[in-house]
Amino acid sequence: MPLYEYTCKKCSQTFELLINSSNKAACPNCGSAKLQQWISAPSAPGKSAAIMVKGRARAVREGHACNHRQVNGKVVD
């Protein structure tokens, strides 16, 4: 089943749903079935976690990671 992104034409709410072809999508905000359907771009598994770790380490080096701390030289949440 593909993951679709929808925009409600009635209330302009944007949301994602995993829908098979036999089900009808409805807006979780207002319940309207008048939706604009988009195909969501998939993310590569495993790469996003590595990118986050690398980004956090860089933020610590640059002094931007005030909400993260280091333990034994590694960034932890």
N, C-alpha and C. Protein backbone atom coordinates (compact mmCIF):
# COMPACT_ATOMS: atom_id res chain seq x y z
N MET A 1 0.84 -1.18 0.00
CA MET A 1 0.00 0.00 0.00
C MET A 1 0.89 1.25 0.00
N PRO A 2 0.62 2.16 -0.89
CA PRO A 2 1.42 3.39 -0.94
C PRO A 2 1.00 4.39 0.13
N LEU A 3 1.93 5.22 0.51
CA LEU A 3 1.66 6.31 1.45
C LEU A 3 1.37 7.55 0.62
N TYR A 4 0.19 8.12 0.84
CA TYR A 4 -0.20 9.30 0.09
C TYR A 4 -0.29 10.50 1.02
N GLU A 5 0.01 11.64 0.48
CA GLU A 5 -0.19 12.91 1.18
C GLU A 5 -1.43 13.55 0.58
N TYR A 6 -2.26 14.10 1.44
CA TYR A 6 -3.51 14.73 1.00
C TYR A 6 -3.58 16.17 1.50
N THR A 7 -4.26 16.99 0.72
CA THR A 7 -4.63 18.33 1.16
C THR A 7 -6.14 18.42 1.02
N CYS A 8 -6.79 18.77 2.13
CA CYS A 8 -8.25 18.88 2.14
C CYS A 8 -8.65 20.17 1.41
N LYS A 9 -9.58 20.05 0.47
CA LYS A 9 -10.04 21.22 -0.28
C LYS A 9 -10.99 22.08 0.54
N LYS A 10 -11.55 21.51 1.60
CA LYS A 10 -12.50 22.26 2.43
C LYS A 10 -11.80 23.08 3.51
N CYS A 11 -10.86 22.46 4.26
CA CYS A 11 -10.23 23.16 5.40
C CYS A 11 -8.73 23.40 5.21
N SER A 12 -8.16 22.97 4.09
CA SER A 12 -6.74 23.15 3.74
C SER A 12 -5.78 22.40 4.66
N GLN A 13 -6.27 21.42 5.40
CA GLN A 13 -5.42 20.58 6.24
C GLN A 13 -4.58 19.67 5.35
N THR A 14 -3.28 19.51 5.65
CA THR A 14 -2.41 18.60 4.93
C THR A 14 -2.07 17.44 5.86
N PHE A 15 -2.17 16.20 5.35
CA PHE A 15 -1.93 15.02 6.17
C PHE A 15 -1.53 13.85 5.29
N GLU A 16 -0.97 12.79 5.91
CA GLU A 16 -0.58 11.58 5.19
C GLU A 16 -1.44 10.42 5.64
N LEU A 17 -1.76 9.52 4.70
CA LEU A 17 -2.51 8.31 5.01
C LEU A 17 -1.96 7.14 4.22
N LEU A 18 -1.98 5.98 4.84
CA LEU A 18 -1.66 4.74 4.16
C LEU A 18 -2.99 4.10 3.77
N ILE A 19 -3.30 4.12 2.49
CA ILE A 19 -4.63 3.73 2.01
C ILE A 19 -4.50 2.66 0.94
N ASN A 20 -5.34 1.62 1.03
CA ASN A 20 -5.39 0.69 -0.09
C ASN A 20 -6.50 1.15 -1.05
N SER A 21 -6.56 0.55 -2.20
CA SER A 21 -7.46 1.05 -3.26
C SER A 21 -8.94 0.89 -2.93
N SER A 22 -9.31 0.01 -2.01
CA SER A 22 -10.72 -0.19 -1.70
C SER A 22 -11.26 0.78 -0.64
N ASN A 23 -10.39 1.50 0.04
CA ASN A 23 -10.82 2.44 1.07
C ASN A 23 -10.87 3.86 0.53
N LYS A 24 -11.76 4.66 1.08
CA LYS A 24 -11.86 6.08 0.73
C LYS A 24 -11.19 6.90 1.82
N ALA A 25 -10.41 7.88 1.44
CA ALA A 25 -9.74 8.76 2.39
C ALA A 25 -10.68 9.88 2.81
N ALA A 26 -10.52 10.32 4.04
CA ALA A 26 -11.29 11.45 4.55
C ALA A 26 -10.39 12.30 5.42
N CYS A 27 -10.65 13.57 5.46
CA CYS A 27 -9.86 14.52 6.25
C CYS A 27 -10.05 14.22 7.75
N PRO A 28 -8.95 14.07 8.50
CA PRO A 28 -9.09 13.83 9.94
C PRO A 28 -9.56 15.07 10.70
N ASN A 29 -9.44 16.24 10.08
CA ASN A 29 -9.81 17.49 10.73
C ASN A 29 -11.32 17.77 10.60
N CYS A 30 -11.84 17.70 9.36
CA CYS A 30 -13.25 18.05 9.13
C CYS A 30 -14.09 16.91 8.59
N GLY A 31 -13.46 15.78 8.19
CA GLY A 31 -14.21 14.63 7.69
C GLY A 31 -14.57 14.69 6.22
N SER A 32 -14.15 15.74 5.52
CA SER A 32 -14.48 15.90 4.11
C SER A 32 -13.75 14.85 3.26
N ALA A 33 -14.41 14.41 2.19
CA ALA A 33 -13.81 13.49 1.25
C ALA A 33 -13.28 14.22 0.02
N LYS A 34 -13.39 15.55 -0.02
CA LYS A 34 -12.89 16.35 -1.14
C LYS A 34 -11.42 16.66 -0.88
N LEU A 35 -10.55 15.81 -1.43
CA LEU A 35 -9.12 15.87 -1.14
C LEU A 35 -8.30 15.95 -2.41
N GLN A 36 -7.18 16.62 -2.32
CA GLN A 36 -6.16 16.62 -3.38
C GLN A 36 -5.13 15.58 -2.96
N GLN A 37 -4.88 14.59 -3.80
CA GLN A 37 -3.97 13.50 -3.45
C GLN A 37 -2.60 13.73 -4.06
N TRP A 38 -1.55 13.48 -3.26
CA TRP A 38 -0.16 13.59 -3.68
C TRP A 38 0.53 12.29 -3.33
N ILE A 39 1.52 11.89 -4.08
CA ILE A 39 2.32 10.72 -3.71
C ILE A 39 3.50 11.23 -2.89
N SER A 40 3.62 10.71 -1.67
CA SER A 40 4.71 11.14 -0.78
C SER A 40 6.03 10.56 -1.25
N ALA A 41 7.08 11.33 -1.15
CA ALA A 41 8.41 10.87 -1.51
C ALA A 41 8.94 9.95 -0.42
N PRO A 42 9.39 8.76 -0.78
CA PRO A 42 9.92 7.85 0.25
C PRO A 42 11.30 8.29 0.72
N SER A 43 11.63 7.95 1.95
CA SER A 43 12.97 8.22 2.45
C SER A 43 13.73 6.91 2.53
N ALA A 44 15.00 6.97 2.25
CA ALA A 44 15.82 5.77 2.27
C ALA A 44 16.00 5.28 3.71
N PRO A 45 15.70 4.01 3.99
CA PRO A 45 15.84 3.52 5.36
C PRO A 45 17.30 3.50 5.79
N GLY A 46 17.53 3.89 7.02
CA GLY A 46 18.88 3.84 7.57
C GLY A 46 19.70 5.09 7.34
N LYS A 47 19.48 5.77 6.25
CA LYS A 47 20.28 6.95 5.97
C LYS A 47 19.88 8.14 6.83
N SER A 48 18.61 8.27 7.15
CA SER A 48 18.18 9.44 7.90
C SER A 48 18.75 9.45 9.31
N ALA A 49 18.88 8.30 9.95
CA ALA A 49 19.46 8.24 11.30
C ALA A 49 20.94 8.65 11.26
N ALA A 50 21.66 8.19 10.27
CA ALA A 50 23.07 8.54 10.14
C ALA A 50 23.25 10.03 9.86
N ILE A 51 22.37 10.60 9.06
CA ILE A 51 22.43 12.03 8.76
C ILE A 51 22.16 12.83 10.02
N MET A 52 21.21 12.39 10.85
CA MET A 52 20.91 13.09 12.10
C MET A 52 22.09 13.05 13.06
N VAL A 53 22.73 11.90 13.20
CA VAL A 53 23.89 11.77 14.10
C VAL A 53 25.02 12.68 13.62
N LYS A 54 25.27 12.68 12.34
CA LYS A 54 26.32 13.53 11.78
C LYS A 54 26.00 15.01 11.99
N GLY A 55 24.74 15.38 11.77
CA GLY A 55 24.33 16.77 11.96
C GLY A 55 24.43 17.21 13.41
N ARG A 56 24.07 16.32 14.34
CA ARG A 56 24.18 16.66 15.76
C ARG A 56 25.64 16.83 16.18
N ALA A 57 26.50 15.94 15.69
CA ALA A 57 27.92 16.05 16.02
C ALA A 57 28.50 17.36 15.50
N ARG A 58 28.10 17.75 14.30
CA ARG A 58 28.56 19.01 13.73
C ARG A 58 28.05 20.20 14.56
N ALA A 59 26.78 20.14 14.98
CA ALA A 59 26.21 21.22 15.79
C ALA A 59 26.94 21.35 17.11
N VAL A 60 27.32 20.23 17.71
CA VAL A 60 28.08 20.28 18.97
C VAL A 60 29.44 20.92 18.74
N ARG A 61 30.12 20.52 17.67
CA ARG A 61 31.44 21.11 17.36
C ARG A 61 31.34 22.62 17.16
N GLU A 62 30.23 23.06 16.53
CA GLU A 62 30.06 24.48 16.25
C GLU A 62 29.40 25.23 17.40
N GLY A 63 28.99 24.52 18.46
CA GLY A 63 28.39 25.16 19.62
C GLY A 63 26.92 25.49 19.49
N HIS A 64 26.20 24.82 18.56
CA HIS A 64 24.79 25.12 18.34
C HIS A 64 23.84 24.14 19.03
N ALA A 65 24.35 23.08 19.62
CA ALA A 65 23.49 22.02 20.14
C ALA A 65 23.24 22.19 21.64
N CYS A 66 22.55 23.23 22.02
CA CYS A 66 22.29 23.49 23.42
C CYS A 66 21.36 22.46 24.05
N ASN A 67 20.53 21.75 23.24
CA ASN A 67 19.62 20.76 23.79
C ASN A 67 20.17 19.34 23.71
N HIS A 68 21.43 19.18 23.34
CA HIS A 68 22.09 17.88 23.30
C HIS A 68 23.32 17.93 24.19
N ARG A 69 23.71 16.79 24.71
CA ARG A 69 24.89 16.75 25.56
C ARG A 69 25.82 15.65 25.07
N GLN A 70 27.07 15.72 25.49
CA GLN A 70 28.06 14.74 25.11
C GLN A 70 28.36 13.83 26.29
N VAL A 71 28.47 12.53 26.01
CA VAL A 71 28.91 11.55 26.98
C VAL A 71 30.04 10.77 26.33
N ASN A 72 31.23 10.85 26.91
CA ASN A 72 32.42 10.18 26.34
C ASN A 72 32.66 10.58 24.90
N GLY A 73 32.45 11.84 24.59
CA GLY A 73 32.72 12.36 23.26
C GLY A 73 31.64 12.10 22.22
N LYS A 74 30.53 11.46 22.61
CA LYS A 74 29.44 11.18 21.68
C LYS A 74 28.22 12.02 22.04
N VAL A 75 27.49 12.44 21.03
CA VAL A 75 26.29 13.25 21.22
C VAL A 75 25.14 12.33 21.61
N VAL A 76 24.44 12.68 22.68
CA VAL A 76 23.25 11.93 23.11
C VAL A 76 22.10 12.91 23.31
N ASP A 77 20.88 12.41 23.20
CA ASP A 77 19.70 13.25 23.40
C ASP A 77 19.39 13.43 24.86
